[in-house]
Amino acid sequence: MKKEFKKWLISLNCEGINSLGINEIVSRVDEELRIVRANEQERIVLEELIAAFNE
């Protein structure tokens, strides 16, 4: 699921996501898209991205 999430992030072609770094974002989640390491701010953004991906 992590590979599909990465492809989805790339397909968004969003300046904010691109500036953060797609590999950096993906490195914060495991294969089931559970957040494995993130501070509070990153966690909020990741939760929103994962929710949008799962829609």
N, C-alpha and C. Protein backbone atom coordinates (compact mmCIF):
# COMPACT_ATOMS: atom_id res chain seq x y z
N MET A 1 0.81 -1.19 0.00
CA MET A 1 0.00 0.00 0.00
C MET A 1 0.87 1.27 0.00
N LYS A 2 2.05 1.14 0.55
CA LYS A 2 2.97 2.28 0.62
C LYS A 2 3.37 2.74 -0.79
N LYS A 3 3.59 1.79 -1.70
CA LYS A 3 3.96 2.14 -3.08
C LYS A 3 2.83 2.92 -3.76
N GLU A 4 1.60 2.46 -3.55
CA GLU A 4 0.45 3.14 -4.15
C GLU A 4 0.29 4.55 -3.57
N PHE A 5 0.54 4.68 -2.28
CA PHE A 5 0.48 5.99 -1.62
C PHE A 5 1.52 6.93 -2.23
N LYS A 6 2.72 6.43 -2.44
CA LYS A 6 3.77 7.25 -3.04
C LYS A 6 3.38 7.68 -4.46
N LYS A 7 2.86 6.76 -5.26
CA LYS A 7 2.42 7.09 -6.62
C LYS A 7 1.33 8.16 -6.58
N TRP A 8 0.41 8.02 -5.62
CA TRP A 8 -0.68 8.97 -5.48
C TRP A 8 -0.14 10.35 -5.12
N LEU A 9 0.80 10.41 -4.19
CA LEU A 9 1.42 11.70 -3.82
C LEU A 9 2.07 12.35 -5.04
N ILE A 10 2.79 11.56 -5.82
CA ILE A 10 3.44 12.08 -7.03
C ILE A 10 2.39 12.62 -8.00
N SER A 11 1.29 11.89 -8.15
CA SER A 11 0.25 12.29 -9.11
C SER A 11 -0.43 13.60 -8.72
N LEU A 12 -0.40 13.94 -7.44
CA LEU A 12 -1.01 15.21 -7.01
C LEU A 12 -0.25 16.41 -7.56
N ASN A 13 1.05 16.23 -7.78
CA ASN A 13 1.90 17.30 -8.30
C ASN A 13 1.66 18.61 -7.54
N CYS A 14 1.65 18.49 -6.23
CA CYS A 14 1.37 19.62 -5.34
C CYS A 14 2.69 20.25 -4.88
N GLU A 15 2.79 21.55 -5.02
CA GLU A 15 4.03 22.25 -4.66
C GLU A 15 4.40 22.01 -3.20
N GLY A 16 3.41 22.04 -2.30
CA GLY A 16 3.68 21.83 -0.88
C GLY A 16 4.23 20.45 -0.60
N ILE A 17 3.64 19.45 -1.21
CA ILE A 17 4.11 18.07 -1.02
C ILE A 17 5.48 17.90 -1.65
N ASN A 18 5.66 18.44 -2.84
CA ASN A 18 6.95 18.32 -3.51
C ASN A 18 8.06 19.02 -2.72
N SER A 19 7.74 20.15 -2.09
CA SER A 19 8.77 20.86 -1.33
C SER A 19 9.14 20.11 -0.06
N LEU A 20 8.18 19.40 0.52
CA LEU A 20 8.50 18.58 1.70
C LEU A 20 9.35 17.39 1.32
N GLY A 21 9.12 16.88 0.14
CA GLY A 21 9.84 15.71 -0.33
C GLY A 21 8.99 14.46 -0.19
N ILE A 22 8.64 13.89 -1.30
CA ILE A 22 7.77 12.71 -1.29
C ILE A 22 8.41 11.56 -0.54
N ASN A 23 9.69 11.33 -0.77
CA ASN A 23 10.36 10.24 -0.06
C ASN A 23 10.38 10.48 1.45
N GLU A 24 10.52 11.73 1.84
CA GLU A 24 10.50 12.08 3.27
C GLU A 24 9.12 11.78 3.86
N ILE A 25 8.08 12.14 3.15
CA ILE A 25 6.71 11.88 3.62
C ILE A 25 6.49 10.38 3.74
N VAL A 26 6.84 9.64 2.71
CA VAL A 26 6.61 8.19 2.69
C VAL A 26 7.44 7.49 3.76
N SER A 27 8.59 8.04 4.11
CA SER A 27 9.43 7.41 5.13
C SER A 27 8.80 7.44 6.51
N ARG A 28 7.77 8.22 6.69
CA ARG A 28 7.11 8.36 8.00
C ARG A 28 6.02 7.32 8.24
N VAL A 29 5.73 6.49 7.24
CA VAL A 29 4.67 5.49 7.38
C VAL A 29 5.20 4.09 7.06
N ASP A 30 4.50 3.07 7.60
CA ASP A 30 4.89 1.70 7.29
C ASP A 30 4.09 1.21 6.08
N GLU A 31 4.22 -0.06 5.76
CA GLU A 31 3.57 -0.62 4.56
C GLU A 31 2.05 -0.53 4.60
N GLU A 32 1.46 -0.50 5.81
CA GLU A 32 0.00 -0.40 5.95
C GLU A 32 -0.44 1.05 6.16
N LEU A 33 0.47 1.98 5.93
CA LEU A 33 0.24 3.42 6.07
C LEU A 33 -0.06 3.84 7.50
N ARG A 34 0.50 3.11 8.45
CA ARG A 34 0.44 3.55 9.84
C ARG A 34 1.63 4.48 10.07
N ILE A 35 1.38 5.57 10.73
CA ILE A 35 2.45 6.54 11.00
C ILE A 35 3.41 5.95 12.02
N VAL A 36 4.67 5.88 11.64
CA VAL A 36 5.67 5.26 12.52
C VAL A 36 6.55 6.28 13.22
N ARG A 37 6.74 7.42 12.63
CA ARG A 37 7.51 8.47 13.30
C ARG A 37 7.14 9.81 12.70
N ALA A 38 6.70 10.68 13.57
CA ALA A 38 6.32 12.02 13.13
C ALA A 38 6.04 12.87 14.37
N ASN A 39 6.38 14.14 14.26
CA ASN A 39 6.00 15.04 15.35
C ASN A 39 4.52 15.39 15.20
N GLU A 40 4.01 16.19 16.10
CA GLU A 40 2.58 16.49 16.11
C GLU A 40 2.11 17.13 14.81
N GLN A 41 2.86 18.10 14.30
CA GLN A 41 2.50 18.79 13.05
C GLN A 41 2.51 17.82 11.87
N GLU A 42 3.57 17.01 11.79
CA GLU A 42 3.68 16.04 10.69
C GLU A 42 2.55 15.02 10.76
N ARG A 43 2.22 14.60 11.97
CA ARG A 43 1.15 13.62 12.16
C ARG A 43 -0.18 14.14 11.62
N ILE A 44 -0.47 15.39 11.90
CA ILE A 44 -1.72 15.99 11.41
C ILE A 44 -1.78 15.96 9.89
N VAL A 45 -0.69 16.38 9.25
CA VAL A 45 -0.63 16.40 7.78
C VAL A 45 -0.72 14.98 7.23
N LEU A 46 0.02 14.06 7.82
CA LEU A 46 0.00 12.67 7.35
C LEU A 46 -1.39 12.06 7.48
N GLU A 47 -2.06 12.31 8.59
CA GLU A 47 -3.41 11.78 8.78
C GLU A 47 -4.35 12.30 7.71
N GLU A 48 -4.23 13.57 7.37
CA GLU A 48 -5.07 14.16 6.31
C GLU A 48 -4.75 13.55 4.95
N LEU A 49 -3.48 13.40 4.65
CA LEU A 49 -3.09 12.81 3.37
C LEU A 49 -3.56 11.37 3.25
N ILE A 50 -3.38 10.60 4.31
CA ILE A 50 -3.78 9.19 4.29
C ILE A 50 -5.30 9.08 4.15
N ALA A 51 -6.04 9.94 4.85
CA ALA A 51 -7.50 9.93 4.74
C ALA A 51 -7.94 10.25 3.31
N ALA A 52 -7.32 11.24 2.70
CA ALA A 52 -7.66 11.59 1.31
C ALA A 52 -7.31 10.46 0.37
N PHE A 53 -6.19 9.82 0.59
CA PHE A 53 -5.77 8.69 -0.24
C PHE A 53 -6.77 7.54 -0.15
N ASN A 54 -7.31 7.31 1.03
CA ASN A 54 -8.22 6.18 1.26
C ASN A 54 -9.65 6.45 0.80
N GLU A 55 -9.95 7.67 0.37
CA GLU A 55 -11.32 7.99 -0.09
C GLU A 55 -11.64 7.30 -1.39
